[in-house]
Amino acid sequence: MGTAVTSRIFIDVSQTLFDLVLNLVKRVFAKPIADMKKGLKDLFNLFLSLNYLQWLRNKSQFYTHI
């Protein structure tokens, strides 16, 4: 009986510590991850814009050669 109670307390304490660490990690890394997502989105939009400008340039060169 004593071993079961001790192991149950140990499991509860372990779970509580795990939750505390997990919340701390979430709090510490939430902002950098959000910034990274925004940065990647901006980079992707820049890439699309550059591709569009390249396409327009190629299209204009095509029409000037006709």
PDB file of N, CA and C in Angstrom:
ATOM      1  N   MET A   1       0.838  -1.201   0.000  1.00  0.00           N
ATOM      2  CA  MET A   1       0.000   0.000   0.000  1.00  0.00           C
ATOM      3  C   MET A   1       0.874   1.253   0.000  1.00  0.00           C
ATOM      4  N   GLY A   2       1.917   1.271   0.824  1.00  0.00           N
ATOM      5  CA  GLY A   2       2.795   2.442   0.923  1.00  0.00           C
ATOM      6  C   GLY A   2       3.527   2.722  -0.374  1.00  0.00           C
ATOM      7  N   THR A   3       3.930   1.678  -1.092  1.00  0.00           N
ATOM      8  CA  THR A   3       4.659   1.842  -2.346  1.00  0.00           C
ATOM      9  C   THR A   3       3.764   2.461  -3.418  1.00  0.00           C
ATOM     10  N   ALA A   4       2.506   2.033  -3.455  1.00  0.00           N
ATOM     11  CA  ALA A   4       1.570   2.571  -4.447  1.00  0.00           C
ATOM     12  C   ALA A   4       1.328   4.057  -4.203  1.00  0.00           C
ATOM     13  N   VAL A   5       1.186   4.441  -2.938  1.00  0.00           N
ATOM     14  CA  VAL A   5       0.962   5.854  -2.611  1.00  0.00           C
ATOM     15  C   VAL A   5       2.207   6.671  -2.955  1.00  0.00           C
ATOM     16  N   THR A   6       3.375   6.142  -2.620  1.00  0.00           N
ATOM     17  CA  THR A   6       4.628   6.843  -2.922  1.00  0.00           C
ATOM     18  C   THR A   6       4.812   7.013  -4.421  1.00  0.00           C
ATOM     19  N   SER A   7       4.562   5.974  -5.181  1.00  0.00           N
ATOM     20  CA  SER A   7       4.735   6.078  -6.630  1.00  0.00           C
ATOM     21  C   SER A   7       3.694   7.028  -7.224  1.00  0.00           C
ATOM     22  N   ARG A   8       2.502   7.043  -6.669  1.00  0.00           N
ATOM     23  CA  ARG A   8       1.470   7.972  -7.164  1.00  0.00           C
ATOM     24  C   ARG A   8       1.877   9.423  -6.898  1.00  0.00           C
ATOM     25  N   ILE A   9       2.422   9.686  -5.716  1.00  0.00           N
ATOM     26  CA  ILE A   9       2.894  11.041  -5.396  1.00  0.00           C
ATOM     27  C   ILE A   9       4.044  11.425  -6.327  1.00  0.00           C
ATOM     28  N   PHE A  10       4.955  10.486  -6.567  1.00  0.00           N
ATOM     29  CA  PHE A  10       6.082  10.738  -7.461  1.00  0.00           C
ATOM     30  C   PHE A  10       5.591  11.073  -8.870  1.00  0.00           C
ATOM     31  N   ILE A  11       4.595  10.320  -9.337  1.00  0.00           N
ATOM     32  CA  ILE A  11       4.036  10.566 -10.677  1.00  0.00           C
ATOM     33  C   ILE A  11       3.379  11.947 -10.721  1.00  0.00           C
ATOM     34  N   ASP A  12       2.622  12.309  -9.677  1.00  0.00           N
ATOM     35  CA  ASP A  12       1.979  13.626  -9.637  1.00  0.00           C
ATOM     36  C   ASP A  12       3.007  14.745  -9.652  1.00  0.00           C
ATOM     37  N   VAL A  13       4.066  14.596  -8.841  1.00  0.00           N
ATOM     38  CA  VAL A  13       5.121  15.617  -8.793  1.00  0.00           C
ATOM     39  C   VAL A  13       5.836  15.701 -10.141  1.00  0.00           C
ATOM     40  N   SER A  14       6.116  14.548 -10.742  1.00  0.00           N
ATOM     41  CA  SER A  14       6.780  14.525 -12.047  1.00  0.00           C
ATOM     42  C   SER A  14       5.921  15.223 -13.101  1.00  0.00           C
ATOM     43  N   GLN A  15       4.627  14.942 -13.091  1.00  0.00           N
ATOM     44  CA  GLN A  15       3.717  15.562 -14.063  1.00  0.00           C
ATOM     45  C   GLN A  15       3.651  17.070 -13.850  1.00  0.00           C
ATOM     46  N   THR A  16       3.601  17.496 -12.590  1.00  0.00           N
ATOM     47  CA  THR A  16       3.565  18.928 -12.285  1.00  0.00           C
ATOM     48  C   THR A  16       4.842  19.612 -12.753  1.00  0.00           C
ATOM     49  N   LEU A  17       5.983  19.006 -12.493  1.00  0.00           N
ATOM     50  CA  LEU A  17       7.258  19.581 -12.941  1.00  0.00           C
ATOM     51  C   LEU A  17       7.316  19.637 -14.469  1.00  0.00           C
ATOM     52  N   PHE A  18       6.856  18.581 -15.106  1.00  0.00           N
ATOM     53  CA  PHE A  18       6.832  18.543 -16.572  1.00  0.00           C
ATOM     54  C   PHE A  18       5.955  19.675 -17.116  1.00  0.00           C
ATOM     55  N   ASP A  19       4.775  19.860 -16.514  1.00  0.00           N
ATOM     56  CA  ASP A  19       3.877  20.938 -16.942  1.00  0.00           C
ATOM     57  C   ASP A  19       4.523  22.304 -16.757  1.00  0.00           C
ATOM     58  N   LEU A  20       5.205  22.499 -15.626  1.00  0.00           N
ATOM     59  CA  LEU A  20       5.872  23.775 -15.370  1.00  0.00           C
ATOM     60  C   LEU A  20       6.966  24.045 -16.406  1.00  0.00           C
ATOM     61  N   VAL A  21       7.768  23.023 -16.684  1.00  0.00           N
ATOM     62  CA  VAL A  21       8.840  23.183 -17.671  1.00  0.00           C
ATOM     63  C   VAL A  21       8.258  23.435 -19.057  1.00  0.00           C
ATOM     64  N   LEU A  22       7.205  22.698 -19.402  1.00  0.00           N
ATOM     65  CA  LEU A  22       6.578  22.868 -20.708  1.00  0.00           C
ATOM     66  C   LEU A  22       6.012  24.277 -20.868  1.00  0.00           C
ATOM     67  N   ASN A  23       5.346  24.787 -19.833  1.00  0.00           N
ATOM     68  CA  ASN A  23       4.813  26.147 -19.895  1.00  0.00           C
ATOM     69  C   ASN A  23       5.926  27.181 -20.010  1.00  0.00           C
ATOM     70  N   LEU A  24       7.026  26.948 -19.298  1.00  0.00           N
ATOM     71  CA  LEU A  24       8.157  27.862 -19.388  1.00  0.00           C
ATOM     72  C   LEU A  24       8.744  27.868 -20.797  1.00  0.00           C
ATOM     73  N   VAL A  25       8.908  26.686 -21.367  1.00  0.00           N
ATOM     74  CA  VAL A  25       9.439  26.589 -22.730  1.00  0.00           C
ATOM     75  C   VAL A  25       8.500  27.275 -23.716  1.00  0.00           C
ATOM     76  N   LYS A  26       7.195  27.052 -23.545  1.00  0.00           N
ATOM     77  CA  LYS A  26       6.229  27.709 -24.439  1.00  0.00           C
ATOM     78  C   LYS A  26       6.326  29.222 -24.331  1.00  0.00           C
ATOM     79  N   ARG A  27       6.452  29.722 -23.097  1.00  0.00           N
ATOM     80  CA  ARG A  27       6.518  31.160 -22.891  1.00  0.00           C
ATOM     81  C   ARG A  27       7.799  31.748 -23.474  1.00  0.00           C
ATOM     82  N   VAL A  28       8.912  31.027 -23.324  1.00  0.00           N
ATOM     83  CA  VAL A  28      10.201  31.537 -23.800  1.00  0.00           C
ATOM     84  C   VAL A  28      10.262  31.525 -25.323  1.00  0.00           C
ATOM     85  N   PHE A  29       9.732  30.479 -25.955  1.00  0.00           N
ATOM     86  CA  PHE A  29       9.896  30.322 -27.392  1.00  0.00           C
ATOM     87  C   PHE A  29       8.696  30.775 -28.215  1.00  0.00           C
ATOM     88  N   ALA A  30       7.621  31.213 -27.589  1.00  0.00           N
ATOM     89  CA  ALA A  30       6.429  31.598 -28.355  1.00  0.00           C
ATOM     90  C   ALA A  30       6.721  32.794 -29.259  1.00  0.00           C
ATOM     91  N   LYS A  31       7.367  33.817 -28.721  1.00  0.00           N
ATOM     92  CA  LYS A  31       7.648  35.025 -29.508  1.00  0.00           C
ATOM     93  C   LYS A  31       8.640  34.748 -30.642  1.00  0.00           C
ATOM     94  N   PRO A  32       9.774  34.081 -30.374  1.00  0.00           N
ATOM     95  CA  PRO A  32      10.686  33.805 -31.496  1.00  0.00           C
ATOM     96  C   PRO A  32      10.055  32.967 -32.600  1.00  0.00           C
ATOM     97  N   ILE A  33       9.200  31.997 -32.226  1.00  0.00           N
ATOM     98  CA  ILE A  33       8.558  31.166 -33.248  1.00  0.00           C
ATOM     99  C   ILE A  33       7.577  32.005 -34.064  1.00  0.00           C
ATOM    100  N   ALA A  34       6.830  32.880 -33.397  1.00  0.00           N
ATOM    101  CA  ALA A  34       5.907  33.764 -34.122  1.00  0.00           C
ATOM    102  C   ALA A  34       6.677  34.700 -35.049  1.00  0.00           C
ATOM    103  N   ASP A  35       7.799  35.239 -34.555  1.00  0.00           N
ATOM    104  CA  ASP A  35       8.629  36.114 -35.388  1.00  0.00           C
ATOM    105  C   ASP A  35       9.203  35.352 -36.579  1.00  0.00           C
ATOM    106  N   MET A  36       9.618  34.110 -36.336  1.00  0.00           N
ATOM    107  CA  MET A  36      10.187  33.306 -37.406  1.00  0.00           C
ATOM    108  C   MET A  36       9.123  33.020 -38.468  1.00  0.00           C
ATOM    109  N   LYS A  37       7.897  32.712 -38.027  1.00  0.00           N
ATOM    110  CA  LYS A  37       6.820  32.465 -38.990  1.00  0.00           C
ATOM    111  C   LYS A  37       6.559  33.711 -39.833  1.00  0.00           C
ATOM    112  N   LYS A  38       6.540  34.880 -39.175  1.00  0.00           N
ATOM    113  CA  LYS A  38       6.314  36.124 -39.907  1.00  0.00           C
ATOM    114  C   LYS A  38       7.462  36.387 -40.868  1.00  0.00           C
ATOM    115  N   GLY A  39       8.682  36.127 -40.409  1.00  0.00           N
ATOM    116  CA  GLY A  39       9.850  36.317 -41.269  1.00  0.00           C
ATOM    117  C   GLY A  39       9.806  35.411 -42.489  1.00  0.00           C
ATOM    118  N   LEU A  40       9.424  34.156 -42.293  1.00  0.00           N
ATOM    119  CA  LEU A  40       9.322  33.228 -43.418  1.00  0.00           C
ATOM    120  C   LEU A  40       8.229  33.655 -44.384  1.00  0.00           C
ATOM    121  N   LYS A  41       7.131  34.148 -43.834  1.00  0.00           N
ATOM    122  CA  LYS A  41       6.035  34.613 -44.684  1.00  0.00           C
ATOM    123  C   LYS A  41       6.486  35.825 -45.505  1.00  0.00           C
ATOM    124  N   ASP A  42       7.200  36.763 -44.861  1.00  0.00           N
ATOM    125  CA  ASP A  42       7.713  37.925 -45.584  1.00  0.00           C
ATOM    126  C   ASP A  42       8.703  37.511 -46.667  1.00  0.00           C
ATOM    127  N   LEU A  43       9.563  36.541 -46.337  1.00  0.00           N
ATOM    128  CA  LEU A  43      10.543  36.056 -47.301  1.00  0.00           C
ATOM    129  C   LEU A  43       9.848  35.405 -48.489  1.00  0.00           C
ATOM    130  N   PHE A  44       8.809  34.622 -48.219  1.00  0.00           N
ATOM    131  CA  PHE A  44       8.052  33.969 -49.283  1.00  0.00           C
ATOM    132  C   PHE A  44       7.368  35.011 -50.162  1.00  0.00           C
ATOM    133  N   ASN A  45       6.784  36.056 -49.544  1.00  0.00           N
ATOM    134  CA  ASN A  45       6.142  37.115 -50.322  1.00  0.00           C
ATOM    135  C   ASN A  45       7.154  37.859 -51.188  1.00  0.00           C
ATOM    136  N   LEU A  46       8.353  38.072 -50.644  1.00  0.00           N
ATOM    137  CA  LEU A  46       9.411  38.709 -51.428  1.00  0.00           C
ATOM    138  C   LEU A  46       9.787  37.837 -52.618  1.00  0.00           C
ATOM    139  N   PHE A  47       9.911  36.533 -52.372  1.00  0.00           N
ATOM    140  CA  PHE A  47      10.232  35.589 -53.442  1.00  0.00           C
ATOM    141  C   PHE A  47       9.165  35.633 -54.537  1.00  0.00           C
ATOM    142  N   LEU A  48       7.881  35.649 -54.137  1.00  0.00           N
ATOM    143  CA  LEU A  48       6.798  35.716 -55.129  1.00  0.00           C
ATOM    144  C   LEU A  48       6.853  37.026 -55.907  1.00  0.00           C
ATOM    145  N   SER A  49       7.149  38.122 -55.209  1.00  0.00           N
ATOM    146  CA  SER A  49       7.228  39.418 -55.876  1.00  0.00           C
ATOM    147  C   SER A  49       8.363  39.433 -56.886  1.00  0.00           C
ATOM    148  N   LEU A  50       9.508  38.897 -56.503  1.00  0.00           N
ATOM    149  CA  LEU A  50      10.649  38.860 -57.430  1.00  0.00           C
ATOM    150  C   LEU A  50      10.346  37.975 -58.632  1.00  0.00           C
ATOM    151  N   ASN A  51       9.668  36.855 -58.403  1.00  0.00           N
ATOM    152  CA  ASN A  51       9.283  35.986 -59.522  1.00  0.00           C
ATOM    153  C   ASN A  51       8.315  36.707 -60.450  1.00  0.00           C
ATOM    154  N   TYR A  52       7.383  37.443 -59.877  1.00  0.00           N
ATOM    155  CA  TYR A  52       6.416  38.187 -60.686  1.00  0.00           C
ATOM    156  C   TYR A  52       7.120  39.269 -61.519  1.00  0.00           C
ATOM    157  N   LEU A  53       8.063  39.986 -60.884  1.00  0.00           N
ATOM    158  CA  LEU A  53       8.809  41.008 -61.623  1.00  0.00           C
ATOM    159  C   LEU A  53       9.640  40.389 -62.746  1.00  0.00           C
ATOM    160  N   GLN A  54      10.235  39.237 -62.485  1.00  0.00           N
ATOM    161  CA  GLN A  54      11.006  38.526 -63.521  1.00  0.00           C
ATOM    162  C   GLN A  54      10.088  38.115 -64.665  1.00  0.00           C
ATOM    163  N   TRP A  55       8.898  37.630 -64.309  1.00  0.00           N
ATOM    164  CA  TRP A  55       7.932  37.229 -65.333  1.00  0.00           C
ATOM    165  C   TRP A  55       7.515  38.434 -66.178  1.00  0.00           C
ATOM    166  N   LEU A  56       7.256  39.582 -65.512  1.00  0.00           N
ATOM    167  CA  LEU A  56       6.887  40.793 -66.259  1.00  0.00           C
ATOM    168  C   LEU A  56       8.017  41.242 -67.189  1.00  0.00           C
ATOM    169  N   ARG A  57       9.253  41.161 -66.687  1.00  0.00           N
ATOM    170  CA  ARG A  57      10.400  41.568 -67.499  1.00  0.00           C
ATOM    171  C   ARG A  57      10.519  40.665 -68.733  1.00  0.00           C
ATOM    172  N   ASN A  58      10.368  39.356 -68.511  1.00  0.00           N
ATOM    173  CA  ASN A  58      10.449  38.423 -69.644  1.00  0.00           C
ATOM    174  C   ASN A  58       9.321  38.674 -70.629  1.00  0.00           C
ATOM    175  N   LYS A  59       8.142  38.955 -70.100  1.00  0.00           N
ATOM    176  CA  LYS A  59       6.987  39.214 -70.962  1.00  0.00           C
ATOM    177  C   LYS A  59       7.208  40.492 -71.775  1.00  0.00           C
ATOM    178  N   SER A  60       7.744  41.528 -71.152  1.00  0.00           N
ATOM    179  CA  SER A  60       7.978  42.783 -71.861  1.00  0.00           C
ATOM    180  C   SER A  60       9.077  42.605 -72.907  1.00  0.00           C
ATOM    181  N   GLN A  61      10.096  41.814 -72.607  1.00  0.00           N
ATOM    182  CA  GLN A  61      11.141  41.551 -73.606  1.00  0.00           C
ATOM    183  C   GLN A  61      10.570  40.772 -74.781  1.00  0.00           C
ATOM    184  N   PHE A  62       9.658  39.864 -74.518  1.00  0.00           N
ATOM    185  CA  PHE A  62       9.028  39.080 -75.577  1.00  0.00           C
ATOM    186  C   PHE A  62       8.247  40.000 -76.515  1.00  0.00           C
ATOM    187  N   TYR A  63       7.497  40.947 -75.936  1.00  0.00           N
ATOM    188  CA  TYR A  63       6.680  41.834 -76.774  1.00  0.00           C
ATOM    189  C   TYR A  63       7.517  42.865 -77.514  1.00  0.00           C
ATOM    190  N   THR A  64       8.680  43.213 -76.977  1.00  0.00           N
ATOM    191  CA  THR A  64       9.509  44.188 -77.704  1.00  0.00           C
ATOM    192  C   THR A  64      10.224  43.540 -78.881  1.00  0.00           C
ATOM    193  N   HIS A  65      10.373  42.206 -78.875  1.00  0.00           N
ATOM    194  CA  HIS A  65      11.048  41.529 -79.981  1.00  0.00           C
ATOM    195  C   HIS A  65      10.110  41.178 -81.113  1.00  0.00           C
ATOM    196  N   ILE A  66       8.821  41.334 -80.903  1.00  0.00           N
ATOM    197  CA  ILE A  66       7.852  40.962 -81.957  1.00  0.00           C
ATOM    198  C   ILE A  66       7.881  41.978 -83.078  1.00  0.00           C
TER     199      ILE A  66
END
